[in-house]
Every structure is written in structure tokens, then in C-alpha cells.
Amino acid sequence: MKHETFFKFAGFFKGAVRTVSVVTMLLFSANANALTGYKQFSDLPEPKPTSKGELIYQEMGCVMCHGIQGDGNGFLAEGLDPKPRDFTDAKVMSRISDHSIRSAIHNGISETGMPSFELSETQVEEVTAYLRSFLAKNYLTVNACLMDTQIVDTKMSGAKFKVEVENPELIEVKKKGSLLYIIPKSWKVKKALSSRKVTRTLIRLAQNEVSPEDTEKYLSLISVRVHKCFR
């Protein structure tokens, strides 16, 4: 009787282990497939002409709240609470996706002075590009897994620009010619990810030599988002 009970328990235990193993494999595979689609090599996009977006920005009255310089200091801004968005704030704008900008233009933002606008998708894209141009000539979002090294081709001579990292404790950036190698510092990032699914930081590419004609603060901005995933 004891032997029979033992063999029944052993069979149950083996089945349970097999079930847990299969479930674990399925969950791991699903997670890997869902989160490792991020490409590891990116090109900085070509700067978009902003003349159309600037015209829409002015004609739709955006300047009245956000100001001509996009700094949120339009002549109606003082009477608004919350204040209009400052498009020249790199830290804030790095955390706002193009999708969020498009949604705000199409739908407005509740409990603020931001109304909705009836614009075509092309017009919204033009305005979005113009808003990004307040900070830099172009803008790129890079998604990475925890142990990834991301490579970005700036298409510029390395001597032309310098790299500024907003949170150097989270990522390391190595410059080799026109290429940037973006390497998450795994232990620091793990700590930052302990209470969230993604952590963000910003890389600024600044000109080494600035002429009086240069109005942009930066050549490029790269928003880096590191996710809880492994390749």
C-alpha cells in the first residue's frame, strides 16, 4: 500500500513539474516574441522641412498659447492653468511620443486649454515635425531590451558633434565615427525597472561649433526607452 501511494505521488509530482515547465516555456516564448522585435540598428531620420507645419502652427492660433518660440509663453498663457506645453523643454518632450502629440491635436486635452483641431493626418504630421524642430533638427526614439546594444548611424562626422547623456548612470554611449553605440548599464537599469515596465532617458547631439545662424539647440535628440525584456 505504501509503495502504491508513493508511486501515485511520484506520478503526480512528475506531471505537475512537466505542466509547470511547459507553462514556463510558453510564457517565456510569448514574452520573448512580444518584446524582442526591437531592431538593434537605426538611422537618424533626415530633417523634415517645417515650413508647412510652421504655417499651420501660426494659422491655427497655436502661437497664442504656446508662443512663437514654442516655449509656452504665448500672450494667452498667463491666464491658463495648467500652463501650455513648453516644446523647448527637452526633458519633458523626450517623454511625449509622436502618437500622444497627434492625439492631443485631434482630440484636445481634457481639463486644459488645449482644444481639438480638424486637421488631416498629413497636416498633423507636419505640425508634429515642426514642434520637434524647436529642440533639434531631427528626433529619434530607440527601444531596447535590457541587455541590448543599440547602434545609431548619425550620418555625421564624429568631429561635428558631441554627445550629452541625460542619465549617464543608466546608459553608456560610445561614439565611433558616425556611429553611436548605446549600452544599457544592466544593474542600474534593473533597479530603475523594479517599479515600472520601461525606463527612459535622452541623448542630445550638440554641435561642437555653433554659428550665429544656428537656431536649433541640438543637431539631434534620441529618446532611449529600455524595456523589461531579453533577447
C-alpha atoms as a PDB file:
ATOM      1  CA  MET A   1       0.000   0.000   0.000  1.00  0.00           C
ATOM      2  CA  LYS A   2       2.833   2.381   0.880  1.00  0.00           C
ATOM      3  CA  HIS A   3       4.579   1.623  -2.399  1.00  0.00           C
ATOM      4  CA  GLU A   4       1.366   2.219  -4.338  1.00  0.00           C
ATOM      5  CA  THR A   5       0.839   5.596  -2.616  1.00  0.00           C
ATOM      6  CA  PHE A   6       4.464   6.535  -3.271  1.00  0.00           C
ATOM      7  CA  PHE A   7       4.212   5.746  -6.984  1.00  0.00           C
ATOM      8  CA  LYS A   8       0.948   7.686  -7.272  1.00  0.00           C
ATOM      9  CA  PHE A   9       2.570  10.710  -5.606  1.00  0.00           C
ATOM     10  CA  ALA A  10       5.668  10.398  -7.816  1.00  0.00           C
ATOM     11  CA  GLY A  11       3.496  10.272 -10.933  1.00  0.00           C
ATOM     12  CA  PHE A  12       1.506  13.310  -9.786  1.00  0.00           C
ATOM     13  CA  PHE A  13       4.708  15.224  -8.973  1.00  0.00           C
ATOM     14  CA  LYS A  14       6.268  14.417 -12.367  1.00  0.00           C
ATOM     15  CA  GLY A  15       3.103  15.552 -14.140  1.00  0.00           C
ATOM     16  CA  ALA A  16       2.997  18.769 -12.154  1.00  0.00           C
ATOM     17  CA  VAL A  17       6.643  19.525 -12.945  1.00  0.00           C
ATOM     18  CA  ARG A  18       6.020  18.835 -16.631  1.00  0.00           C
ATOM     19  CA  THR A  19       2.983  21.165 -16.620  1.00  0.00           C
ATOM     20  CA  VAL A  20       4.902  23.968 -14.890  1.00  0.00           C
ATOM     21  CA  SER A  21       7.796  23.548 -17.342  1.00  0.00           C
ATOM     22  CA  VAL A  22       5.506  23.755 -20.360  1.00  0.00           C
ATOM     23  CA  VAL A  23       3.687  26.812 -18.991  1.00  0.00           C
ATOM     24  CA  THR A  24       7.006  28.497 -18.178  1.00  0.00           C
ATOM     25  CA  MET A  25       8.321  27.814 -21.683  1.00  0.00           C
ATOM     26  CA  LEU A  26       5.144  29.170 -23.248  1.00  0.00           C
ATOM     27  CA  LEU A  27       5.221  32.302 -21.123  1.00  0.00           C
ATOM     28  CA  PHE A  28       8.922  32.856 -21.834  1.00  0.00           C
ATOM     29  CA  SER A  29       8.432  32.304 -25.560  1.00  0.00           C
ATOM     30  CA  ALA A  30       5.449  34.659 -25.666  1.00  0.00           C
ATOM     31  CA  ASN A  31       7.348  37.310 -23.759  1.00  0.00           C
ATOM     32  CA  ALA A  32      10.411  36.918 -25.986  1.00  0.00           C
ATOM     33  CA  ASN A  33       8.367  37.074 -29.173  1.00  0.00           C
ATOM     34  CA  ALA A  34       6.432  40.099 -27.974  1.00  0.00           C
ATOM     35  CA  LEU A  35       9.341  42.150 -26.747  1.00  0.00           C
ATOM     36  CA  THR A  36      12.370  41.306 -28.866  1.00  0.00           C
ATOM     37  CA  GLY A  37      11.029  42.776 -32.085  1.00  0.00           C
ATOM     38  CA  TYR A  38      13.011  45.943 -31.423  1.00  0.00           C
ATOM     39  CA  LYS A  39      15.609  46.488 -34.103  1.00  0.00           C
ATOM     40  CA  GLN A  40      19.177  46.983 -32.930  1.00  0.00           C
ATOM     41  CA  PHE A  41      20.343  49.308 -35.716  1.00  0.00           C
ATOM     42  CA  SER A  42      18.746  52.668 -36.554  1.00  0.00           C
ATOM     43  CA  ASP A  43      19.462  55.636 -38.796  1.00  0.00           C
ATOM     44  CA  LEU A  44      18.783  59.174 -37.722  1.00  0.00           C
ATOM     45  CA  PRO A  45      15.939  60.392 -39.946  1.00  0.00           C
ATOM     46  CA  GLU A  46      16.525  63.154 -42.444  1.00  0.00           C
ATOM     47  CA  PRO A  47      15.407  66.538 -41.082  1.00  0.00           C
ATOM     48  CA  LYS A  48      11.896  67.321 -42.321  1.00  0.00           C
ATOM     49  CA  PRO A  49      11.144  70.726 -43.810  1.00  0.00           C
ATOM     50  CA  THR A  50       8.996  72.553 -41.263  1.00  0.00           C
ATOM     51  CA  SER A  51       7.636  75.460 -43.319  1.00  0.00           C
ATOM     52  CA  LYS A  52       4.186  73.831 -43.776  1.00  0.00           C
ATOM     53  CA  GLY A  53       3.999  72.850 -40.118  1.00  0.00           C
ATOM     54  CA  GLU A  54       5.035  76.351 -39.054  1.00  0.00           C
ATOM     55  CA  LEU A  55       2.316  77.887 -41.234  1.00  0.00           C
ATOM     56  CA  ILE A  56      -0.355  75.619 -39.702  1.00  0.00           C
ATOM     57  CA  TYR A  57       1.004  76.330 -36.202  1.00  0.00           C
ATOM     58  CA  GLN A  58       0.517  80.053 -36.793  1.00  0.00           C
ATOM     59  CA  GLU A  59      -2.769  79.934 -38.723  1.00  0.00           C
ATOM     60  CA  MET A  60      -4.483  77.650 -36.167  1.00  0.00           C
ATOM     61  CA  GLY A  61      -3.602  80.044 -33.352  1.00  0.00           C
ATOM     62  CA  CYS A  62      -1.126  77.784 -31.539  1.00  0.00           C
ATOM     63  CA  VAL A  63       1.170  80.790 -31.061  1.00  0.00           C
ATOM     64  CA  MET A  64      -1.402  82.473 -28.814  1.00  0.00           C
ATOM     65  CA  CYS A  65      -0.790  79.897 -26.071  1.00  0.00           C
ATOM     66  CA  HIS A  66       2.468  78.115 -26.930  1.00  0.00           C
ATOM     67  CA  GLY A  67       4.253  81.219 -28.230  1.00  0.00           C
ATOM     68  CA  ILE A  68       6.221  81.895 -31.396  1.00  0.00           C
ATOM     69  CA  GLN A  69       9.278  80.157 -29.920  1.00  0.00           C
ATOM     70  CA  GLY A  70       7.210  77.173 -28.683  1.00  0.00           C
ATOM     71  CA  ASP A  71       8.201  77.873 -25.071  1.00  0.00           C
ATOM     72  CA  GLY A  72       4.641  78.029 -23.690  1.00  0.00           C
ATOM     73  CA  ASN A  73       4.753  81.815 -23.234  1.00  0.00           C
ATOM     74  CA  GLY A  74       2.098  82.990 -25.688  1.00  0.00           C
ATOM     75  CA  PHE A  75       0.105  86.076 -24.746  1.00  0.00           C
ATOM     76  CA  LEU A  76      -2.841  83.921 -23.511  1.00  0.00           C
ATOM     77  CA  ALA A  77      -0.626  81.596 -21.445  1.00  0.00           C
ATOM     78  CA  GLU A  78      -0.733  83.629 -18.253  1.00  0.00           C
ATOM     79  CA  GLY A  79      -4.469  83.073 -17.840  1.00  0.00           C
ATOM     80  CA  LEU A  80      -4.275  79.305 -18.326  1.00  0.00           C
ATOM     81  CA  ASP A  81      -3.931  76.610 -15.662  1.00  0.00           C
ATOM     82  CA  PRO A  82      -2.213  74.295 -16.348  1.00  0.00           C
ATOM     83  CA  LYS A  83       0.208  76.298 -18.455  1.00  0.00           C
ATOM     84  CA  PRO A  84       0.605  75.449 -22.171  1.00  0.00           C
ATOM     85  CA  ARG A  85       3.208  72.834 -23.077  1.00  0.00           C
ATOM     86  CA  ASP A  86       6.774  74.080 -23.428  1.00  0.00           C
ATOM     87  CA  PHE A  87       8.058  72.439 -26.619  1.00  0.00           C
ATOM     88  CA  THR A  88      11.595  73.615 -25.870  1.00  0.00           C
ATOM     89  CA  ASP A  89      11.830  71.539 -22.654  1.00  0.00           C
ATOM     90  CA  ALA A  90      13.938  68.565 -23.747  1.00  0.00           C
ATOM     91  CA  LYS A  91      13.311  66.547 -20.583  1.00  0.00           C
ATOM     92  CA  VAL A  92       9.530  66.804 -20.903  1.00  0.00           C
ATOM     93  CA  MET A  93       9.358  66.396 -24.671  1.00  0.00           C
ATOM     94  CA  SER A  94      11.537  63.270 -24.617  1.00  0.00           C
ATOM     95  CA  ARG A  95       8.755  61.544 -22.670  1.00  0.00           C
ATOM     96  CA  ILE A  96       5.990  62.509 -25.071  1.00  0.00           C
ATOM     97  CA  SER A  97       5.544  60.245 -28.084  1.00  0.00           C
ATOM     98  CA  ASP A  98       4.506  61.416 -31.544  1.00  0.00           C
ATOM     99  CA  HIS A  99       1.304  59.409 -31.014  1.00  0.00           C
ATOM    100  CA  SER A 100       0.499  61.495 -27.906  1.00  0.00           C
ATOM    101  CA  ILE A 101       1.117  64.720 -29.828  1.00  0.00           C
ATOM    102  CA  ARG A 102      -1.151  63.587 -32.675  1.00  0.00           C
ATOM    103  CA  SER A 103      -3.855  62.554 -30.190  1.00  0.00           C
ATOM    104  CA  ALA A 104      -3.692  65.939 -28.443  1.00  0.00           C
ATOM    105  CA  ILE A 105      -4.102  67.764 -31.769  1.00  0.00           C
ATOM    106  CA  HIS A 106      -7.004  65.552 -32.913  1.00  0.00           C
ATOM    107  CA  ASN A 107      -8.842  65.256 -29.587  1.00  0.00           C
ATOM    108  CA  GLY A 108      -7.611  68.089 -27.376  1.00  0.00           C
ATOM    109  CA  ILE A 109      -6.653  67.520 -23.725  1.00  0.00           C
ATOM    110  CA  SER A 110      -9.403  67.495 -21.091  1.00  0.00           C
ATOM    111  CA  GLU A 111      -9.208  69.917 -18.156  1.00  0.00           C
ATOM    112  CA  THR A 112      -6.713  72.124 -20.020  1.00  0.00           C
ATOM    113  CA  GLY A 113      -6.965  74.949 -22.521  1.00  0.00           C
ATOM    114  CA  MET A 114      -5.902  72.614 -25.354  1.00  0.00           C
ATOM    115  CA  PRO A 115      -8.773  72.301 -27.888  1.00  0.00           C
ATOM    116  CA  SER A 116      -9.155  69.761 -30.675  1.00  0.00           C
ATOM    117  CA  PHE A 117      -8.327  70.654 -34.294  1.00  0.00           C
ATOM    118  CA  GLU A 118      -9.797  69.319 -37.512  1.00  0.00           C
ATOM    119  CA  LEU A 119      -6.637  68.640 -39.483  1.00  0.00           C
ATOM    120  CA  SER A 120      -5.720  65.922 -41.958  1.00  0.00           C
ATOM    121  CA  GLU A 121      -3.165  63.261 -40.996  1.00  0.00           C
ATOM    122  CA  THR A 122      -0.632  64.934 -43.289  1.00  0.00           C
ATOM    123  CA  GLN A 123      -1.183  68.299 -41.613  1.00  0.00           C
ATOM    124  CA  VAL A 124      -0.838  66.745 -38.154  1.00  0.00           C
ATOM    125  CA  GLU A 125       2.448  65.123 -39.208  1.00  0.00           C
ATOM    126  CA  GLU A 126       3.698  68.499 -40.469  1.00  0.00           C
ATOM    127  CA  VAL A 127       2.806  70.185 -37.173  1.00  0.00           C
ATOM    128  CA  THR A 128       4.391  67.368 -35.140  1.00  0.00           C
ATOM    129  CA  ALA A 129       7.626  67.721 -37.119  1.00  0.00           C
ATOM    130  CA  TYR A 130       7.553  71.466 -36.520  1.00  0.00           C
ATOM    131  CA  LEU A 131       7.064  71.017 -32.756  1.00  0.00           C
ATOM    132  CA  ARG A 132      10.044  68.665 -32.642  1.00  0.00           C
ATOM    133  CA  SER A 133      12.127  71.220 -34.550  1.00  0.00           C
ATOM    134  CA  PHE A 134      12.001  73.647 -31.612  1.00  0.00           C
ATOM    135  CA  LEU A 135      14.604  71.423 -29.960  1.00  0.00           C
ATOM    136  CA  ALA A 136      16.543  69.759 -32.746  1.00  0.00           C
ATOM    137  CA  LYS A 137      16.793  69.210 -36.476  1.00  0.00           C
ATOM    138  CA  ASN A 138      15.628  65.628 -36.064  1.00  0.00           C
ATOM    139  CA  TYR A 139      14.321  63.279 -33.414  1.00  0.00           C
ATOM    140  CA  LEU A 140      14.551  59.506 -32.968  1.00  0.00           C
ATOM    141  CA  THR A 141      13.042  57.067 -30.476  1.00  0.00           C
ATOM    142  CA  VAL A 142      15.055  53.902 -29.766  1.00  0.00           C
ATOM    143  CA  ASN A 143      13.512  50.898 -27.989  1.00  0.00           C
ATOM    144  CA  ALA A 144      15.894  48.429 -26.364  1.00  0.00           C
ATOM    145  CA  CYS A 145      15.844  45.307 -24.247  1.00  0.00           C
ATOM    146  CA  LEU A 146      17.810  45.213 -21.023  1.00  0.00           C
ATOM    147  CA  MET A 147      20.985  43.601 -22.385  1.00  0.00           C
ATOM    148  CA  ASP A 148      20.851  45.156 -25.862  1.00  0.00           C
ATOM    149  CA  THR A 149      23.490  47.292 -27.503  1.00  0.00           C
ATOM    150  CA  GLN A 150      21.740  49.686 -29.859  1.00  0.00           C
ATOM    151  CA  ILE A 151      23.596  51.193 -32.827  1.00  0.00           C
ATOM    152  CA  VAL A 152      22.515  54.501 -34.354  1.00  0.00           C
ATOM    153  CA  ASP A 153      24.052  55.860 -37.536  1.00  0.00           C
ATOM    154  CA  THR A 154      24.050  59.649 -37.196  1.00  0.00           C
ATOM    155  CA  LYS A 155      25.277  60.093 -40.792  1.00  0.00           C
ATOM    156  CA  MET A 156      27.542  62.834 -39.484  1.00  0.00           C
ATOM    157  CA  SER A 157      31.277  63.084 -38.968  1.00  0.00           C
ATOM    158  CA  GLY A 158      32.121  62.325 -35.361  1.00  0.00           C
ATOM    159  CA  ALA A 159      34.121  65.545 -35.194  1.00  0.00           C
ATOM    160  CA  LYS A 160      30.998  67.610 -35.898  1.00  0.00           C
ATOM    161  CA  PHE A 161      29.084  66.802 -32.720  1.00  0.00           C
ATOM    162  CA  LYS A 162      29.421  65.953 -29.050  1.00  0.00           C
ATOM    163  CA  VAL A 163      27.230  63.583 -27.055  1.00  0.00           C
ATOM    164  CA  GLU A 164      25.284  64.623 -23.958  1.00  0.00           C
ATOM    165  CA  VAL A 165      23.547  61.890 -21.937  1.00  0.00           C
ATOM    166  CA  GLU A 166      20.782  62.937 -19.576  1.00  0.00           C
ATOM    167  CA  ASN A 167      21.160  59.914 -17.257  1.00  0.00           C
ATOM    168  CA  PRO A 168      24.712  58.570 -17.627  1.00  0.00           C
ATOM    169  CA  GLU A 169      24.094  56.210 -14.714  1.00  0.00           C
ATOM    170  CA  LEU A 170      21.569  54.310 -16.886  1.00  0.00           C
ATOM    171  CA  ILE A 171      23.292  54.078 -20.264  1.00  0.00           C
ATOM    172  CA  GLU A 172      26.754  54.356 -21.750  1.00  0.00           C
ATOM    173  CA  VAL A 173      27.203  55.895 -25.200  1.00  0.00           C
ATOM    174  CA  LYS A 174      30.314  55.222 -27.284  1.00  0.00           C
ATOM    175  CA  LYS A 175      30.981  57.241 -30.427  1.00  0.00           C
ATOM    176  CA  LYS A 176      32.865  55.613 -33.311  1.00  0.00           C
ATOM    177  CA  GLY A 177      32.868  57.823 -36.392  1.00  0.00           C
ATOM    178  CA  SER A 178      29.258  58.420 -37.363  1.00  0.00           C
ATOM    179  CA  LEU A 179      28.020  55.503 -35.227  1.00  0.00           C
ATOM    180  CA  LEU A 180      26.697  55.657 -31.679  1.00  0.00           C
ATOM    181  CA  TYR A 181      26.761  52.503 -29.540  1.00  0.00           C
ATOM    182  CA  ILE A 182      24.110  52.766 -26.811  1.00  0.00           C
ATOM    183  CA  ILE A 183      24.684  50.290 -23.974  1.00  0.00           C
ATOM    184  CA  PRO A 184      22.266  49.986 -21.017  1.00  0.00           C
ATOM    185  CA  LYS A 185      24.013  49.595 -17.651  1.00  0.00           C
ATOM    186  CA  SER A 186      22.113  46.461 -16.702  1.00  0.00           C
ATOM    187  CA  TRP A 187      22.220  46.620 -12.890  1.00  0.00           C
ATOM    188  CA  LYS A 188      21.295  50.303 -12.741  1.00  0.00           C
ATOM    189  CA  VAL A 189      18.524  49.804 -15.310  1.00  0.00           C
ATOM    190  CA  LYS A 190      17.183  46.733 -13.453  1.00  0.00           C
ATOM    191  CA  LYS A 191      16.849  48.884 -10.352  1.00  0.00           C
ATOM    192  CA  ALA A 192      15.035  51.589 -12.327  1.00  0.00           C
ATOM    193  CA  LEU A 193      12.744  48.923 -13.852  1.00  0.00           C
ATOM    194  CA  SER A 194      11.842  47.371 -10.490  1.00  0.00           C
ATOM    195  CA  SER A 195       8.693  49.513 -10.256  1.00  0.00           C
ATOM    196  CA  ARG A 196       7.912  50.108 -13.952  1.00  0.00           C
ATOM    197  CA  LYS A 197       7.845  48.368 -17.328  1.00  0.00           C
ATOM    198  CA  VAL A 198      10.076  50.837 -19.129  1.00  0.00           C
ATOM    199  CA  THR A 199      12.653  53.441 -18.171  1.00  0.00           C
ATOM    200  CA  ARG A 200      13.547  56.402 -20.357  1.00  0.00           C
ATOM    201  CA  THR A 201      16.487  58.681 -20.891  1.00  0.00           C
ATOM    202  CA  LEU A 202      17.642  61.168 -23.502  1.00  0.00           C
ATOM    203  CA  ILE A 203      20.725  61.572 -25.674  1.00  0.00           C
ATOM    204  CA  ARG A 204      21.472  65.004 -27.127  1.00  0.00           C
ATOM    205  CA  LEU A 205      23.814  65.517 -30.067  1.00  0.00           C
ATOM    206  CA  ALA A 206      25.166  69.045 -29.794  1.00  0.00           C
ATOM    207  CA  GLN A 207      27.262  70.900 -32.353  1.00  0.00           C
ATOM    208  CA  ASN A 208      30.919  71.319 -31.488  1.00  0.00           C
ATOM    209  CA  GLU A 209      30.977  74.687 -33.222  1.00  0.00           C
ATOM    210  CA  VAL A 210      27.871  76.869 -33.242  1.00  0.00           C
ATOM    211  CA  SER A 211      27.485  79.708 -35.748  1.00  0.00           C
ATOM    212  CA  PRO A 212      25.170  82.713 -35.250  1.00  0.00           C
ATOM    213  CA  GLU A 213      22.871  81.293 -37.950  1.00  0.00           C
ATOM    214  CA  ASP A 214      22.202  78.102 -35.984  1.00  0.00           C
ATOM    215  CA  THR A 215      18.900  78.481 -34.151  1.00  0.00           C
ATOM    216  CA  GLU A 216      18.353  74.862 -33.038  1.00  0.00           C
ATOM    217  CA  LYS A 217      19.642  73.926 -29.606  1.00  0.00           C
ATOM    218  CA  TYR A 218      20.741  70.484 -30.791  1.00  0.00           C
ATOM    219  CA  LEU A 219      21.513  68.637 -34.001  1.00  0.00           C
ATOM    220  CA  SER A 220      19.502  65.625 -32.858  1.00  0.00           C
ATOM    221  CA  LEU A 221      17.648  64.189 -29.899  1.00  0.00           C
ATOM    222  CA  ILE A 222      17.478  60.439 -29.272  1.00  0.00           C
ATOM    223  CA  SER A 223      14.903  59.204 -26.778  1.00  0.00           C
ATOM    224  CA  VAL A 224      16.041  55.827 -25.383  1.00  0.00           C
ATOM    225  CA  ARG A 225      13.441  53.506 -23.855  1.00  0.00           C
ATOM    226  CA  VAL A 226      14.751  50.380 -22.119  1.00  0.00           C
ATOM    227  CA  HIS A 227      12.156  47.631 -21.540  1.00  0.00           C
ATOM    228  CA  LYS A 228      11.944  44.594 -19.264  1.00  0.00           C
ATOM    229  CA  CYS A 229      12.944  42.053 -21.882  1.00  0.00           C
ATOM    230  CA  PHE A 230      15.876  39.908 -23.037  1.00  0.00           C
ATOM    231  CA  ARG A 231      16.983  38.678 -26.441  1.00  0.00           C
END
